[in-house]
C-alpha atoms as a PDB file:
ATOM      1  CA  MET A   1      19.421  19.133 -45.818  1.00  0.00           C
ATOM      2  CA  MET A   2      19.467  18.440 -41.918  1.00  0.00           C
ATOM      3  CA  LYS A   3      15.574  18.401 -40.599  1.00  0.00           C
ATOM      4  CA  LYS A   4      14.721  21.424 -38.055  1.00  0.00           C
ATOM      5  CA  TRP A   5      13.244  19.821 -35.483  1.00  0.00           C
ATOM      6  CA  ILE A   6      11.313  22.331 -33.684  1.00  0.00           C
ATOM      7  CA  SER A   7       9.719  20.500 -30.245  1.00  0.00           C
ATOM      8  CA  THR A   8      11.306  22.842 -28.207  1.00  0.00           C
ATOM      9  CA  MET A   9       9.729  25.417 -29.688  1.00  0.00           C
ATOM     10  CA  MET A  10       6.056  24.472 -28.822  1.00  0.00           C
ATOM     11  CA  THR A  11       6.394  25.511 -25.035  1.00  0.00           C
ATOM     12  CA  GLY A  12       7.401  29.007 -26.236  1.00  0.00           C
ATOM     13  CA  VAL A  13       4.475  29.394 -28.889  1.00  0.00           C
ATOM     14  CA  LEU A  14       1.752  27.706 -26.377  1.00  0.00           C
ATOM     15  CA  ALA A  15       2.903  30.067 -23.662  1.00  0.00           C
ATOM     16  CA  ALA A  16       2.299  32.928 -26.239  1.00  0.00           C
ATOM     17  CA  GLY A  17      -1.041  31.518 -26.885  1.00  0.00           C
ATOM     18  CA  LEU A  18      -2.187  31.237 -23.483  1.00  0.00           C
ATOM     19  CA  LEU A  19      -0.719  35.156 -22.819  1.00  0.00           C
ATOM     20  CA  ALA A  20      -2.708  36.139 -25.796  1.00  0.00           C
ATOM     21  CA  GLY A  21      -6.113  34.373 -24.791  1.00  0.00           C
ATOM     22  CA  CYS A  22      -6.211  32.660 -28.325  1.00  0.00           C
ATOM     23  CA  THR A  23      -4.104  31.264 -31.236  1.00  0.00           C
ATOM     24  CA  SER A  24      -2.587  34.303 -33.191  1.00  0.00           C
ATOM     25  CA  VAL A  25      -0.073  34.853 -35.498  1.00  0.00           C
ATOM     26  CA  ALA A  26       2.352  38.487 -35.464  1.00  0.00           C
ATOM     27  CA  PRO A  27       1.332  40.918 -38.198  1.00  0.00           C
ATOM     28  CA  ALA A  28       4.040  41.690 -40.517  1.00  0.00           C
ATOM     29  CA  PRO A  29       5.632  44.980 -39.835  1.00  0.00           C
ATOM     30  CA  ALA A  30       4.619  48.068 -41.914  1.00  0.00           C
ATOM     31  CA  PRO A  31       6.200  48.749 -44.925  1.00  0.00           C
ATOM     32  CA  ALA A  32       8.542  51.273 -44.637  1.00  0.00           C
ATOM     33  CA  ALA A  33       7.145  54.914 -46.408  1.00  0.00           C
ATOM     34  CA  GLU A  34       8.978  55.731 -49.735  1.00  0.00           C
ATOM     35  CA  ALA A  35      10.244  58.960 -50.220  1.00  0.00           C
ATOM     36  CA  PRO A  36       8.857  61.490 -52.219  1.00  0.00           C
ATOM     37  CA  ALA A  37      10.133  61.684 -56.039  1.00  0.00           C
ATOM     38  CA  GLN A  38      11.911  64.752 -56.774  1.00  0.00           C
ATOM     39  CA  ASP A  39      10.063  65.183 -60.140  1.00  0.00           C
ATOM     40  CA  ALA A  40       9.170  63.113 -63.178  1.00  0.00           C
ATOM     41  CA  GLU A  41      12.396  62.217 -64.562  1.00  0.00           C
ATOM     42  CA  ALA A  42      13.337  60.802 -61.007  1.00  0.00           C
ATOM     43  CA  GLU A  43      10.532  58.955 -60.598  1.00  0.00           C
ATOM     44  CA  ALA A  44      10.620  57.086 -63.667  1.00  0.00           C
ATOM     45  CA  PRO A  45      14.021  55.083 -63.076  1.00  0.00           C
ATOM     46  CA  ALA A  46      12.653  54.224 -59.264  1.00  0.00           C
ATOM     47  CA  GLN A  47       9.065  52.737 -60.933  1.00  0.00           C
ATOM     48  CA  ASP A  48      11.599  50.896 -63.020  1.00  0.00           C
ATOM     49  CA  ALA A  49      13.421  49.542 -60.470  1.00  0.00           C
ATOM     50  CA  GLU A  50      10.478  48.696 -58.303  1.00  0.00           C
ATOM     51  CA  ALA A  51       9.155  46.673 -61.110  1.00  0.00           C
ATOM     52  CA  GLU A  52      12.205  44.605 -61.858  1.00  0.00           C
ATOM     53  CA  ALA A  53      12.854  43.771 -58.318  1.00  0.00           C
ATOM     54  CA  PRO A  54      10.077  41.159 -57.985  1.00  0.00           C
ATOM     55  CA  ALA A  55      11.889  39.104 -60.819  1.00  0.00           C
ATOM     56  CA  ALA A  56      15.349  39.705 -59.275  1.00  0.00           C
ATOM     57  CA  GLU A  57      14.317  38.225 -56.118  1.00  0.00           C
ATOM     58  CA  SER A  58      12.364  35.392 -57.752  1.00  0.00           C
ATOM     59  CA  SER A  59      15.798  34.498 -59.426  1.00  0.00           C
ATOM     60  CA  SER A  60      18.002  34.637 -56.405  1.00  0.00           C
ATOM     61  CA  ASP A  61      15.646  32.595 -54.043  1.00  0.00           C
ATOM     62  CA  LYS A  62      16.292  28.922 -54.547  1.00  0.00           C
ATOM     63  CA  LYS A  63      15.180  27.875 -51.413  1.00  0.00           C
ATOM     64  CA  ILE A  64      12.154  26.252 -50.922  1.00  0.00           C
ATOM     65  CA  VAL A  65      11.171  25.545 -47.060  1.00  0.00           C
ATOM     66  CA  VAL A  66       8.376  22.915 -46.447  1.00  0.00           C
ATOM     67  CA  GLY A  67       6.755  22.161 -42.912  1.00  0.00           C
ATOM     68  CA  ALA A  68       6.084  18.639 -42.745  1.00  0.00           C
ATOM     69  CA  THR A  69       5.116  16.104 -40.042  1.00  0.00           C
ATOM     70  CA  PRO A  70       7.567  13.165 -39.941  1.00  0.00           C
ATOM     71  CA  VAL A  71       6.191   9.885 -41.224  1.00  0.00           C
ATOM     72  CA  PRO A  72       5.388   9.778 -44.158  1.00  0.00           C
ATOM     73  CA  HIS A  73       5.634  13.385 -45.275  1.00  0.00           C
ATOM     74  CA  ALA A  74       9.110  14.657 -44.157  1.00  0.00           C
ATOM     75  CA  ASP A  75      10.481  10.897 -45.595  1.00  0.00           C
ATOM     76  CA  ILE A  76       9.027  11.560 -49.056  1.00  0.00           C
ATOM     77  CA  LEU A  77      10.773  15.242 -48.924  1.00  0.00           C
ATOM     78  CA  ASP A  78      13.831  14.320 -47.921  1.00  0.00           C
ATOM     79  CA  ASN A  79      14.108  11.214 -49.159  1.00  0.00           C
ATOM     80  CA  VAL A  80      12.901  11.883 -53.151  1.00  0.00           C
ATOM     81  CA  VAL A  81      11.517  15.121 -53.287  1.00  0.00           C
ATOM     82  CA  LYS A  82      14.998  16.721 -52.311  1.00  0.00           C
ATOM     83  CA  GLN A  83      16.968  15.137 -55.053  1.00  0.00           C
ATOM     84  CA  VAL A  84      14.352  16.242 -58.002  1.00  0.00           C
ATOM     85  CA  LEU A  85      14.051  19.498 -57.042  1.00  0.00           C
ATOM     86  CA  ALA A  86      18.386  19.674 -56.582  1.00  0.00           C
ATOM     87  CA  GLU A  87      18.509  18.371 -60.421  1.00  0.00           C
ATOM     88  CA  GLN A  88      16.303  21.504 -61.577  1.00  0.00           C
ATOM     89  CA  GLY A  89      18.456  24.132 -59.342  1.00  0.00           C
ATOM     90  CA  TRP A  90      16.310  24.105 -56.240  1.00  0.00           C
ATOM     91  CA  GLU A  91      17.480  23.434 -52.343  1.00  0.00           C
ATOM     92  CA  LEU A  92      14.504  22.016 -50.508  1.00  0.00           C
ATOM     93  CA  GLU A  93      14.487  22.756 -46.166  1.00  0.00           C
ATOM     94  CA  THR A  94      12.275  20.275 -44.726  1.00  0.00           C
ATOM     95  CA  VAL A  95      11.065  21.414 -41.233  1.00  0.00           C
ATOM     96  CA  VAL A  96       9.559  18.807 -38.784  1.00  0.00           C
ATOM     97  CA  PHE A  97       6.809  18.915 -37.184  1.00  0.00           C
ATOM     98  CA  GLU A  98       4.891  16.802 -34.325  1.00  0.00           C
ATOM     99  CA  ASP A  99       1.635  18.224 -34.158  1.00  0.00           C
ATOM    100  CA  TYR A 100      -1.444  19.706 -36.980  1.00  0.00           C
ATOM    101  CA  VAL A 101      -1.427  22.954 -35.712  1.00  0.00           C
ATOM    102  CA  LEU A 102       2.249  24.753 -36.082  1.00  0.00           C
ATOM    103  CA  PRO A 103       2.434  24.055 -39.614  1.00  0.00           C
ATOM    104  CA  ASN A 104      -0.358  25.932 -40.594  1.00  0.00           C
ATOM    105  CA  THR A 105       0.032  29.247 -38.254  1.00  0.00           C
ATOM    106  CA  SER A 106       3.997  28.507 -39.434  1.00  0.00           C
ATOM    107  CA  LEU A 107       3.162  29.131 -43.017  1.00  0.00           C
ATOM    108  CA  GLU A 108       0.474  31.574 -42.367  1.00  0.00           C
ATOM    109  CA  SER A 109       2.775  34.098 -40.700  1.00  0.00           C
ATOM    110  CA  GLY A 110       5.516  33.230 -43.668  1.00  0.00           C
ATOM    111  CA  GLU A 111       8.120  31.462 -41.698  1.00  0.00           C
ATOM    112  CA  LEU A 112       7.663  28.598 -44.324  1.00  0.00           C
ATOM    113  CA  ASP A 113       7.072  28.645 -48.204  1.00  0.00           C
ATOM    114  CA  ALA A 114       4.351  25.228 -48.271  1.00  0.00           C
ATOM    115  CA  ASN A 115       3.615  22.474 -45.664  1.00  0.00           C
ATOM    116  CA  TYR A 116       2.750  19.238 -46.442  1.00  0.00           C
ATOM    117  CA  PHE A 117       0.658  17.318 -43.953  1.00  0.00           C
ATOM    118  CA  GLN A 118      -3.127  17.851 -44.417  1.00  0.00           C
ATOM    119  CA  THR A 119      -6.326  17.006 -45.961  1.00  0.00           C
ATOM    120  CA  LEU A 120      -8.658  19.714 -47.768  1.00  0.00           C
ATOM    121  CA  GLY A 121     -11.050  19.277 -45.275  1.00  0.00           C
ATOM    122  CA  TYR A 122      -9.131  20.181 -41.699  1.00  0.00           C
ATOM    123  CA  MET A 123      -7.189  22.584 -44.294  1.00  0.00           C
ATOM    124  CA  ASN A 124     -10.438  24.136 -45.046  1.00  0.00           C
ATOM    125  CA  GLN A 125     -11.517  23.916 -40.972  1.00  0.00           C
ATOM    126  CA  GLN A 126      -8.558  25.798 -40.079  1.00  0.00           C
ATOM    127  CA  ASN A 127      -9.171  28.723 -42.574  1.00  0.00           C
ATOM    128  CA  THR A 128     -12.559  29.209 -40.964  1.00  0.00           C
ATOM    129  CA  ASP A 129     -11.753  28.543 -37.435  1.00  0.00           C
ATOM    130  CA  ALA A 130      -8.125  30.057 -37.154  1.00  0.00           C
ATOM    131  CA  GLY A 131      -8.434  32.688 -39.630  1.00  0.00           C
ATOM    132  CA  LEU A 132      -5.824  31.707 -41.888  1.00  0.00           C
ATOM    133  CA  HIS A 133      -5.713  32.003 -45.762  1.00  0.00           C
ATOM    134  CA  LEU A 134      -4.227  28.979 -47.077  1.00  0.00           C
ATOM    135  CA  ALA A 135      -4.542  27.196 -50.355  1.00  0.00           C
ATOM    136  CA  ALA A 136      -4.071  23.489 -51.780  1.00  0.00           C
ATOM    137  CA  THR A 137      -1.947  22.702 -54.883  1.00  0.00           C
ATOM    138  CA  ALA A 138      -1.059  19.260 -55.290  1.00  0.00           C
ATOM    139  CA  GLY A 139      -2.424  16.235 -54.123  1.00  0.00           C
ATOM    140  CA  VAL A 140       0.181  13.844 -53.343  1.00  0.00           C
ATOM    141  CA  HIS A 141      -0.839  10.640 -51.635  1.00  0.00           C
ATOM    142  CA  ILE A 142      -3.142   8.662 -48.794  1.00  0.00           C
ATOM    143  CA  GLU A 143      -2.557   7.014 -45.677  1.00  0.00           C
ATOM    144  CA  PRO A 144      -5.675   4.983 -45.019  1.00  0.00           C
ATOM    145  CA  MET A 145      -6.800   4.990 -41.566  1.00  0.00           C
ATOM    146  CA  GLY A 146      -6.670   2.172 -39.536  1.00  0.00           C
ATOM    147  CA  ILE A 147      -8.211   0.816 -36.587  1.00  0.00           C
ATOM    148  CA  TYR A 148      -5.572  -0.783 -34.035  1.00  0.00           C
ATOM    149  CA  SER A 149      -5.428  -2.697 -30.948  1.00  0.00           C
ATOM    150  CA  GLU A 150      -2.484  -3.836 -28.645  1.00  0.00           C
ATOM    151  CA  LYS A 151      -5.119  -6.450 -27.138  1.00  0.00           C
ATOM    152  CA  TYR A 152      -6.787  -8.092 -29.716  1.00  0.00           C
ATOM    153  CA  LYS A 153      -6.474  -9.360 -33.420  1.00  0.00           C
ATOM    154  CA  SER A 154      -9.535  -8.827 -35.039  1.00  0.00           C
ATOM    155  CA  LEU A 155     -12.370  -6.535 -34.297  1.00  0.00           C
ATOM    156  CA  SER A 156     -14.681  -9.522 -33.514  1.00  0.00           C
ATOM    157  CA  GLU A 157     -12.569 -10.180 -30.394  1.00  0.00           C
ATOM    158  CA  ILE A 158     -13.624  -6.230 -29.355  1.00  0.00           C
ATOM    159  CA  PRO A 159     -15.781  -7.269 -26.189  1.00  0.00           C
ATOM    160  CA  ASP A 160     -18.863  -4.896 -25.880  1.00  0.00           C
ATOM    161  CA  GLY A 161     -18.481  -1.994 -23.939  1.00  0.00           C
ATOM    162  CA  ALA A 162     -14.702  -1.458 -24.756  1.00  0.00           C
ATOM    163  CA  GLU A 163     -13.289   1.902 -24.954  1.00  0.00           C
ATOM    164  CA  ILE A 164     -12.376   3.133 -28.825  1.00  0.00           C
ATOM    165  CA  GLY A 165      -9.867   6.274 -29.141  1.00  0.00           C
ATOM    166  CA  VAL A 166     -10.350   8.304 -32.296  1.00  0.00           C
ATOM    167  CA  PRO A 167      -8.874  11.905 -33.114  1.00  0.00           C
ATOM    168  CA  ASN A 168     -10.372  14.790 -31.490  1.00  0.00           C
ATOM    169  CA  ASP A 169     -10.101  17.063 -34.486  1.00  0.00           C
ATOM    170  CA  PRO A 170     -13.398  17.370 -36.553  1.00  0.00           C
ATOM    171  CA  ASP A 171     -12.182  16.591 -39.774  1.00  0.00           C
ATOM    172  CA  ASN A 172     -10.210  13.259 -38.482  1.00  0.00           C
ATOM    173  CA  MET A 173     -13.172  12.651 -35.559  1.00  0.00           C
ATOM    174  CA  GLU A 174     -15.366  12.340 -38.440  1.00  0.00           C
ATOM    175  CA  ARG A 175     -13.233   9.556 -40.775  1.00  0.00           C
ATOM    176  CA  GLY A 176     -12.753   7.580 -37.436  1.00  0.00           C
ATOM    177  CA  LEU A 177     -16.114   7.545 -36.748  1.00  0.00           C
ATOM    178  CA  ALA A 178     -17.087   6.871 -40.399  1.00  0.00           C
ATOM    179  CA  LEU A 179     -14.295   4.142 -40.339  1.00  0.00           C
ATOM    180  CA  LEU A 180     -16.284   1.954 -37.187  1.00  0.00           C
ATOM    181  CA  VAL A 181     -19.237   2.254 -39.306  1.00  0.00           C
ATOM    182  CA  GLN A 182     -17.476   1.250 -42.319  1.00  0.00           C
ATOM    183  CA  LYS A 183     -16.787  -1.923 -40.720  1.00  0.00           C
ATOM    184  CA  GLY A 184     -19.912  -2.580 -38.639  1.00  0.00           C
ATOM    185  CA  LEU A 185     -18.603  -1.308 -34.890  1.00  0.00           C
ATOM    186  CA  LEU A 186     -21.302   1.200 -35.217  1.00  0.00           C
ATOM    187  CA  THR A 187     -24.537   0.877 -37.552  1.00  0.00           C
ATOM    188  CA  SER A 188     -24.721   4.718 -38.356  1.00  0.00           C
ATOM    189  CA  LEU A 189     -22.468   8.135 -37.980  1.00  0.00           C
ATOM    190  CA  VAL A 190     -23.823   9.874 -35.107  1.00  0.00           C
ATOM    191  CA  PRO A 191     -22.483  13.681 -33.559  1.00  0.00           C
ATOM    192  CA  ILE A 192     -19.760  12.613 -30.971  1.00  0.00           C
ATOM    193  CA  GLU A 193     -21.252  14.027 -28.108  1.00  0.00           C
ATOM    194  CA  LYS A 194     -24.166  11.081 -28.635  1.00  0.00           C
ATOM    195  CA  VAL A 195     -22.629   8.337 -29.595  1.00  0.00           C
ATOM    196  CA  ASN A 196     -21.600   6.904 -26.753  1.00  0.00           C
ATOM    197  CA  ASP A 197     -25.913   7.026 -24.910  1.00  0.00           C
ATOM    198  CA  ASP A 198     -27.254   6.231 -28.874  1.00  0.00           C
ATOM    199  CA  LYS A 199     -28.233   2.462 -28.200  1.00  0.00           C
ATOM    200  CA  GLU A 200     -29.408   2.466 -32.043  1.00  0.00           C
ATOM    201  CA  ALA A 201     -26.093   3.784 -33.335  1.00  0.00           C
ATOM    202  CA  ASN A 202     -23.943   1.661 -30.790  1.00  0.00           C
ATOM    203  CA  PRO A 203     -25.625  -1.265 -30.030  1.00  0.00           C
ATOM    204  CA  HIS A 204     -22.192  -2.780 -28.756  1.00  0.00           C
ATOM    205  CA  GLY A 205     -21.979  -0.243 -25.889  1.00  0.00           C
ATOM    206  CA  TYR A 206     -18.454   1.253 -27.145  1.00  0.00           C
ATOM    207  CA  LYS A 207     -17.032   3.977 -25.325  1.00  0.00           C
ATOM    208  CA  ILE A 208     -15.885   6.201 -27.855  1.00  0.00           C
ATOM    209  CA  THR A 209     -13.066   8.622 -26.407  1.00  0.00           C
ATOM    210  CA  PRO A 210     -11.948  11.848 -28.775  1.00  0.00           C
ATOM    211  CA  LEU A 211      -7.798  12.108 -28.082  1.00  0.00           C
ATOM    212  CA  GLU A 212      -5.242  14.399 -29.719  1.00  0.00           C
ATOM    213  CA  ALA A 213      -4.647  12.554 -33.182  1.00  0.00           C
ATOM    214  CA  ALA A 214      -0.826  12.787 -32.386  1.00  0.00           C
ATOM    215  CA  SER A 215      -1.491  10.727 -28.759  1.00  0.00           C
ATOM    216  CA  LEU A 216      -3.295   7.783 -29.930  1.00  0.00           C
ATOM    217  CA  PRO A 217      -0.239   5.574 -30.378  1.00  0.00           C
ATOM    218  CA  LEU A 218       0.826   6.379 -26.967  1.00  0.00           C
ATOM    219  CA  SER A 219      -2.614   6.139 -25.567  1.00  0.00           C
ATOM    220  CA  LEU A 220      -3.184   2.431 -27.375  1.00  0.00           C
ATOM    221  CA  PRO A 221      -2.064   0.150 -24.457  1.00  0.00           C
ATOM    222  CA  ASP A 222      -4.817   1.961 -22.407  1.00  0.00           C
ATOM    223  CA  LEU A 223      -7.482   1.623 -24.865  1.00  0.00           C
ATOM    224  CA  ASP A 224      -8.973  -1.200 -26.434  1.00  0.00           C
ATOM    225  CA  ALA A 225      -8.533  -0.290 -29.981  1.00  0.00           C
ATOM    226  CA  ALA A 226      -8.040   3.222 -31.572  1.00  0.00           C
ATOM    227  CA  THR A 227      -8.810   4.739 -35.565  1.00  0.00           C
ATOM    228  CA  ILE A 228      -5.201   6.210 -36.043  1.00  0.00           C
ATOM    229  CA  ASN A 229      -3.968   8.440 -39.232  1.00  0.00           C
ATOM    230  CA  GLY A 230      -1.702   6.613 -41.036  1.00  0.00           C
ATOM    231  CA  ASN A 231       1.228   8.970 -40.459  1.00  0.00           C
ATOM    232  CA  TYR A 232       1.043   8.580 -36.645  1.00  0.00           C
ATOM    233  CA  ALA A 233       0.706   4.673 -37.324  1.00  0.00           C
ATOM    234  CA  LEU A 234       3.956   4.258 -39.153  1.00  0.00           C
ATOM    235  CA  GLY A 235       5.776   6.793 -36.773  1.00  0.00           C
ATOM    236  CA  ALA A 236       4.909   4.492 -33.995  1.00  0.00           C
ATOM    237  CA  ASP A 237       5.652   1.383 -36.035  1.00  0.00           C
ATOM    238  CA  LEU A 238       2.354   0.368 -35.709  1.00  0.00           C
ATOM    239  CA  PRO A 239       2.120  -1.718 -38.643  1.00  0.00           C
ATOM    240  CA  ALA A 240       4.891  -3.638 -37.865  1.00  0.00           C
ATOM    241  CA  LYS A 241       3.953  -4.472 -34.165  1.00  0.00           C
ATOM    242  CA  TYR A 242       0.277  -4.327 -34.294  1.00  0.00           C
ATOM    243  CA  PRO A 243      -0.859  -4.477 -37.855  1.00  0.00           C
ATOM    244  CA  ALA A 244      -4.341  -2.940 -38.594  1.00  0.00           C
ATOM    245  CA  LEU A 245      -7.345  -5.000 -37.924  1.00  0.00           C
ATOM    246  CA  GLU A 246      -8.752  -2.935 -40.778  1.00  0.00           C
ATOM    247  CA  ILE A 247      -8.013  -0.019 -42.760  1.00  0.00           C
ATOM    248  CA  GLU A 248     -10.278   2.667 -44.410  1.00  0.00           C
ATOM    249  CA  GLU A 249     -11.792   1.690 -48.406  1.00  0.00           C
ATOM    250  CA  PHE A 250     -11.818   4.595 -50.634  1.00  0.00           C
ATOM    251  CA  ASP A 251     -14.237   5.681 -53.613  1.00  0.00           C
ATOM    252  CA  ASP A 252     -13.789   8.733 -55.848  1.00  0.00           C
ATOM    253  CA  GLU A 253     -15.289  11.189 -53.584  1.00  0.00           C
ATOM    254  CA  THR A 254     -13.252  10.115 -50.210  1.00  0.00           C
ATOM    255  CA  THR A 255     -10.493   9.859 -52.370  1.00  0.00           C
ATOM    256  CA  VAL A 256     -10.256  13.427 -52.987  1.00  0.00           C
ATOM    257  CA  LYS A 257     -11.199  13.840 -48.924  1.00  0.00           C
ATOM    258  CA  ARG A 258      -8.378  11.780 -48.093  1.00  0.00           C
ATOM    259  CA  THR A 259      -5.359  12.725 -50.257  1.00  0.00           C
ATOM    260  CA  ASN A 260      -2.912  15.131 -48.487  1.00  0.00           C
ATOM    261  CA  PHE A 261      -1.712  17.885 -50.384  1.00  0.00           C
ATOM    262  CA  ILE A 262       0.747  20.336 -50.533  1.00  0.00           C
ATOM    263  CA  VAL A 263      -1.046  23.847 -49.096  1.00  0.00           C
ATOM    264  CA  VAL A 264       0.511  27.185 -49.905  1.00  0.00           C
ATOM    265  CA  ARG A 265      -0.825  30.881 -48.722  1.00  0.00           C
ATOM    266  CA  GLN A 266      -3.371  32.234 -50.965  1.00  0.00           C
ATOM    267  CA  GLY A 267      -2.659  33.780 -54.131  1.00  0.00           C
ATOM    268  CA  GLU A 268       1.056  32.249 -54.066  1.00  0.00           C
ATOM    269  CA  GLU A 269      -0.499  28.660 -56.074  1.00  0.00           C
ATOM    270  CA  GLU A 270       1.405  29.779 -59.204  1.00  0.00           C
ATOM    271  CA  SER A 271       4.472  31.354 -57.934  1.00  0.00           C
ATOM    272  CA  GLU A 272       7.764  29.388 -59.015  1.00  0.00           C
ATOM    273  CA  LYS A 273       8.187  27.878 -55.802  1.00  0.00           C
ATOM    274  CA  SER A 274       4.707  26.286 -55.814  1.00  0.00           C
ATOM    275  CA  LYS A 275       5.295  25.191 -59.169  1.00  0.00           C
ATOM    276  CA  ALA A 276       8.450  24.002 -58.865  1.00  0.00           C
ATOM    277  CA  LEU A 277       7.449  22.123 -55.424  1.00  0.00           C
ATOM    278  CA  LYS A 278       4.195  20.475 -57.220  1.00  0.00           C
ATOM    279  CA  GLU A 279       6.376  19.452 -60.428  1.00  0.00           C
ATOM    280  CA  ALA A 280       8.665  17.561 -57.816  1.00  0.00           C
ATOM    281  CA  ILE A 281       6.565  16.122 -55.726  1.00  0.00           C
ATOM    282  CA  GLN A 282       4.103  14.466 -58.478  1.00  0.00           C
ATOM    283  CA  SER A 283       6.962  13.019 -60.138  1.00  0.00           C
ATOM    284  CA  ASP A 284       7.091   9.407 -61.486  1.00  0.00           C
ATOM    285  CA  ALA A 285       9.868   9.352 -58.679  1.00  0.00           C
ATOM    286  CA  VAL A 286       7.865  10.316 -55.426  1.00  0.00           C
ATOM    287  CA  LYS A 287       5.010   7.294 -57.188  1.00  0.00           C
ATOM    288  CA  ALA A 288       8.005   4.596 -57.312  1.00  0.00           C
ATOM    289  CA  TYR A 289       9.260   5.690 -53.640  1.00  0.00           C
ATOM    290  CA  ILE A 290       6.147   5.477 -51.956  1.00  0.00           C
ATOM    291  CA  ASP A 291       4.814   1.956 -53.901  1.00  0.00           C
ATOM    292  CA  GLU A 292       7.677   0.683 -53.021  1.00  0.00           C
ATOM    293  CA  HIS A 293       8.757   1.627 -49.152  1.00  0.00           C
ATOM    294  CA  TYR A 294       5.328   1.512 -47.994  1.00  0.00           C
ATOM    295  CA  LYS A 295       3.979  -1.089 -49.935  1.00  0.00           C
ATOM    296  CA  GLY A 296       0.139  -0.104 -49.311  1.00  0.00           C
ATOM    297  CA  SER A 297       0.177   1.983 -46.024  1.00  0.00           C
ATOM    298  CA  VAL A 298       0.314   4.564 -48.364  1.00  0.00           C
ATOM    299  CA  ILE A 299      -0.926   5.043 -51.362  1.00  0.00           C
ATOM    300  CA  SER A 300       0.005   8.116 -54.161  1.00  0.00           C
ATOM    301  CA  SER A 301      -2.872  10.271 -55.045  1.00  0.00           C
ATOM    302  CA  PHE A 302      -1.670  12.856 -57.569  1.00  0.00           C
ATOM    303  CA  ILE A 303      -4.796  14.639 -58.095  1.00  0.00           C
ATOM    304  CA  ASP A 304      -5.525  18.692 -57.884  1.00  0.00           C
ATOM    305  CA  PRO A 305      -7.648  20.020 -55.436  1.00  0.00           C
ATOM    306  CA  GLU A 306     -11.223  20.435 -56.673  1.00  0.00           C
END
C-alpha cells in the first residue's frame, strides 16, 4: 500500500502544541452510557453479546498500521514485512514520519497500532518526559551511529577547535558523545553543558554543538564533523557520498541499548496484531534483506526487550 506522508500535518500539529503550551494527546471520547437492563432475562443476552464483541472485532480487523521513519524502517516494512504478513492474511499500512516525536504521540492517541524507529532508551525517556504509555515488543536491527564529515577523510585530519555536531535529544546525545570518547576525540564522557569548557575531557578544544538529529545531515556542510544516526545517514545517502570516518562498536549491553524495537501501547503487547507483527519482522526473510541490502550499515538484532 502507498506510504502516507505526513509532513503536511506537522505544521498543524506544531501550531496546536503552541496553543496548548505543551505537547498533548487529545483524550478519547467518553463511552456512551449503557441503557439499564429491563430484567435479568434481557440482561443475559446483552452480556453474552458484549463478551463476544472483542473476538468478532479482532477477527475482522486484519490491517496493521505502523508508523516508521523512512530509512531503513519503512523500507524494511514495505519491501519485506508487508509480504510476510500478507501470506498470513494481514494487511500492512506504513505511515512515514520525518521526526522522532510524532510517531510516539500518534501511537499513544490510537492513530497507529505500532511504531518502528526507536531504541529502548528513547522510548523510556519519552514515556517519562511526555507522559506516554508505550512498550517495546520486538528488537529488529541496529544502525551504527557514525562520525561523518564532508571536509575530512580521517579522524586525524580533524583540527583542534573543530565544530562537531551531535543529536540534541538526551539518549542520542549521550550516544554521540560516547562515540567521540570511543574513537578518542574526547577522553571522557561529561555532560554536554560542560564538554566545551572541560580541557581534560576535551583536550583538542572541539566545539560540540547539539542539533536536531534529523537536521544533522543537512547541517554537515557547515560543520567539521557530526555524529549521525544510521537511519538519517542512510536517508541522506551519506555512506555512499561521504563514508563514515568511524562507526560504533557494540558489546552485549550496547547491543540491547542500540537495537531499534517495534513499540506498541502498554497492555497490547500480546494482541493478535502485535504478535503477528513481531513474528513477521523477526523472520528469516527480514534478516536476509537486512544483510544483503544494507551490507553492514544496518545490522539485524532479533532480541526481546529486557
